[in-house]
């Protein structure tokens, strides 16, 4: 039986787990969205405190 050496594209594809990359991107997006919400909430609370102080 004759075996064919793997092509570079097959070798590179074997090094990367596609599910792992997608899940880490999703987790990063979730964290960034949460950070954005925290910043917006903080800005709204500061504005509310200033308005109540008047």
N, C-alpha and C. Protein backbone atom coordinates (compact mmCIF):
# COMPACT_ATOMS: atom_id res chain seq x y z
N UNK A 1 0.85 -1.17 0.00
CA UNK A 1 0.00 0.00 0.00
C UNK A 1 0.90 1.24 0.00
N UNK A 2 0.56 2.18 -0.82
CA UNK A 2 1.34 3.41 -0.96
C UNK A 2 0.73 4.50 -0.09
N UNK A 3 1.56 5.16 0.70
CA UNK A 3 1.07 6.26 1.53
C UNK A 3 1.53 7.58 0.94
N UNK A 4 0.67 8.55 1.03
CA UNK A 4 0.97 9.88 0.50
C UNK A 4 1.35 10.77 1.67
N UNK A 5 2.46 11.52 1.55
CA UNK A 5 2.82 12.42 2.65
C UNK A 5 1.76 13.51 2.81
N UNK A 6 1.52 13.94 4.02
CA UNK A 6 0.48 14.95 4.24
C UNK A 6 0.88 16.28 3.60
N UNK A 7 -0.11 16.95 3.05
CA UNK A 7 0.16 18.27 2.47
C UNK A 7 0.23 19.29 3.60
N UNK A 8 0.85 20.44 3.35
CA UNK A 8 0.96 21.46 4.42
C UNK A 8 -0.38 21.93 4.96
N UNK A 9 -1.41 21.95 4.11
CA UNK A 9 -2.71 22.41 4.61
C UNK A 9 -3.31 21.42 5.59
N UNK A 10 -3.13 20.13 5.34
CA UNK A 10 -3.64 19.13 6.27
C UNK A 10 -2.86 19.14 7.57
N UNK A 11 -1.57 19.41 7.48
CA UNK A 11 -0.74 19.47 8.68
C UNK A 11 -1.15 20.65 9.56
N UNK A 12 -1.36 21.81 8.94
CA UNK A 12 -1.75 22.99 9.70
C UNK A 12 -3.14 22.82 10.31
N UNK A 13 -4.03 22.20 9.59
CA UNK A 13 -5.39 22.01 10.09
C UNK A 13 -5.39 21.08 11.30
N UNK A 14 -4.45 20.16 11.34
CA UNK A 14 -4.37 19.25 12.48
C UNK A 14 -3.85 19.92 13.74
N UNK A 15 -3.18 21.06 13.60
CA UNK A 15 -2.62 21.75 14.76
C UNK A 15 -3.63 22.66 15.45
N UNK A 16 -4.69 23.03 14.77
CA UNK A 16 -5.66 23.97 15.31
C UNK A 16 -6.98 23.25 15.54
N UNK A 17 -7.50 23.36 16.75
CA UNK A 17 -8.81 22.80 17.06
C UNK A 17 -9.85 23.88 16.78
N UNK A 18 -10.64 23.72 15.76
CA UNK A 18 -11.60 24.73 15.36
C UNK A 18 -12.61 25.06 16.44
N UNK A 19 -13.04 24.09 17.21
CA UNK A 19 -14.01 24.34 18.28
C UNK A 19 -13.40 25.18 19.39
N UNK A 20 -12.13 24.96 19.69
CA UNK A 20 -11.47 25.72 20.74
C UNK A 20 -11.35 27.19 20.36
N UNK A 21 -10.99 27.47 19.12
CA UNK A 21 -10.85 28.85 18.67
C UNK A 21 -12.19 29.56 18.73
N UNK A 22 -13.23 28.93 18.25
CA UNK A 22 -14.54 29.56 18.24
C UNK A 22 -15.05 29.82 19.66
N UNK A 23 -14.84 28.88 20.57
CA UNK A 23 -15.33 29.08 21.93
C UNK A 23 -14.54 30.16 22.65
N UNK A 24 -13.25 30.27 22.39
CA UNK A 24 -12.48 31.32 23.05
C UNK A 24 -12.86 32.69 22.51
N UNK A 25 -13.18 32.79 21.21
CA UNK A 25 -13.65 34.05 20.66
C UNK A 25 -14.99 34.44 21.26
N UNK A 26 -15.85 33.47 21.44
CA UNK A 26 -17.16 33.73 22.03
C UNK A 26 -17.02 34.21 23.47
N UNK A 27 -16.12 33.60 24.21
CA UNK A 27 -15.89 34.01 25.59
C UNK A 27 -15.33 35.43 25.65
N UNK A 28 -14.41 35.76 24.74
CA UNK A 28 -13.85 37.11 24.69
C UNK A 28 -14.94 38.12 24.38
N UNK A 29 -15.79 37.82 23.41
CA UNK A 29 -16.88 38.74 23.07
C UNK A 29 -17.84 38.92 24.24
N UNK A 30 -18.12 37.85 24.98
CA UNK A 30 -19.00 37.94 26.14
C UNK A 30 -18.38 38.85 27.20
N UNK A 31 -17.07 38.68 27.44
CA UNK A 31 -16.40 39.51 28.44
C UNK A 31 -16.37 40.97 28.03
N UNK A 32 -16.12 41.24 26.75
CA UNK A 32 -16.11 42.63 26.28
C UNK A 32 -17.49 43.25 26.39
N UNK A 33 -18.53 42.49 26.07
CA UNK A 33 -19.89 43.00 26.18
C UNK A 33 -20.23 43.30 27.64
N UNK A 34 -19.80 42.44 28.54
CA UNK A 34 -20.05 42.66 29.96
C UNK A 34 -19.30 43.90 30.45
N UNK A 35 -18.06 44.08 30.01
CA UNK A 35 -17.28 45.25 30.40
C UNK A 35 -17.95 46.53 29.89
N UNK A 36 -18.44 46.49 28.66
CA UNK A 36 -19.12 47.66 28.11
C UNK A 36 -20.36 48.00 28.93
N UNK A 37 -21.11 47.00 29.32
CA UNK A 37 -22.31 47.25 30.12
C UNK A 37 -21.94 47.82 31.49
N UNK A 38 -20.85 47.34 32.08
CA UNK A 38 -20.42 47.87 33.37
C UNK A 38 -20.01 49.34 33.26
N UNK A 39 -19.33 49.70 32.19
CA UNK A 39 -18.91 51.09 31.99
C UNK A 39 -20.13 51.99 31.80
N UNK A 40 -21.08 51.56 31.00
CA UNK A 40 -22.29 52.36 30.77
C UNK A 40 -23.07 52.52 32.06
N UNK A 41 -23.22 51.46 32.84
CA UNK A 41 -23.92 51.55 34.12
C UNK A 41 -23.21 52.51 35.06
N UNK A 42 -21.88 52.48 35.08
CA UNK A 42 -21.12 53.39 35.93
C UNK A 42 -21.34 54.84 35.55
N UNK A 43 -21.36 55.10 34.25
CA UNK A 43 -21.60 56.48 33.80
C UNK A 43 -23.00 56.94 34.16
N UNK A 44 -23.98 56.08 34.05
CA UNK A 44 -25.35 56.46 34.40
C UNK A 44 -25.47 56.71 35.90
N UNK A 45 -24.80 55.90 36.72
CA UNK A 45 -24.87 56.11 38.17
C UNK A 45 -24.21 57.42 38.57
N UNK A 46 -23.09 57.76 37.94
CA UNK A 46 -22.44 59.04 38.26
C UNK A 46 -23.35 60.20 37.91
N UNK A 47 -24.02 60.12 36.77
CA UNK A 47 -24.93 61.18 36.36
C UNK A 47 -26.09 61.30 37.35
N UNK A 48 -26.61 60.17 37.79
CA UNK A 48 -27.71 60.17 38.75
C UNK A 48 -27.28 60.80 40.07
N UNK A 49 -26.07 60.47 40.53
CA UNK A 49 -25.57 61.06 41.78
C UNK A 49 -25.42 62.57 41.65
N UNK A 50 -24.95 63.04 40.50
CA UNK A 50 -24.82 64.49 40.31
C UNK A 50 -26.18 65.16 40.30
N UNK A 51 -27.16 64.54 39.66
CA UNK A 51 -28.50 65.14 39.60
C UNK A 51 -29.16 65.15 40.98
N UNK A 52 -28.94 64.12 41.78
CA UNK A 52 -29.52 64.08 43.11
C UNK A 52 -28.85 65.07 44.05
N UNK A 53 -27.59 65.40 43.80
CA UNK A 53 -26.87 66.34 44.66
C UNK A 53 -27.33 67.77 44.43
N UNK A 54 -27.95 68.04 43.30
CA UNK A 54 -28.40 69.42 43.01
C UNK A 54 -29.61 69.79 43.75
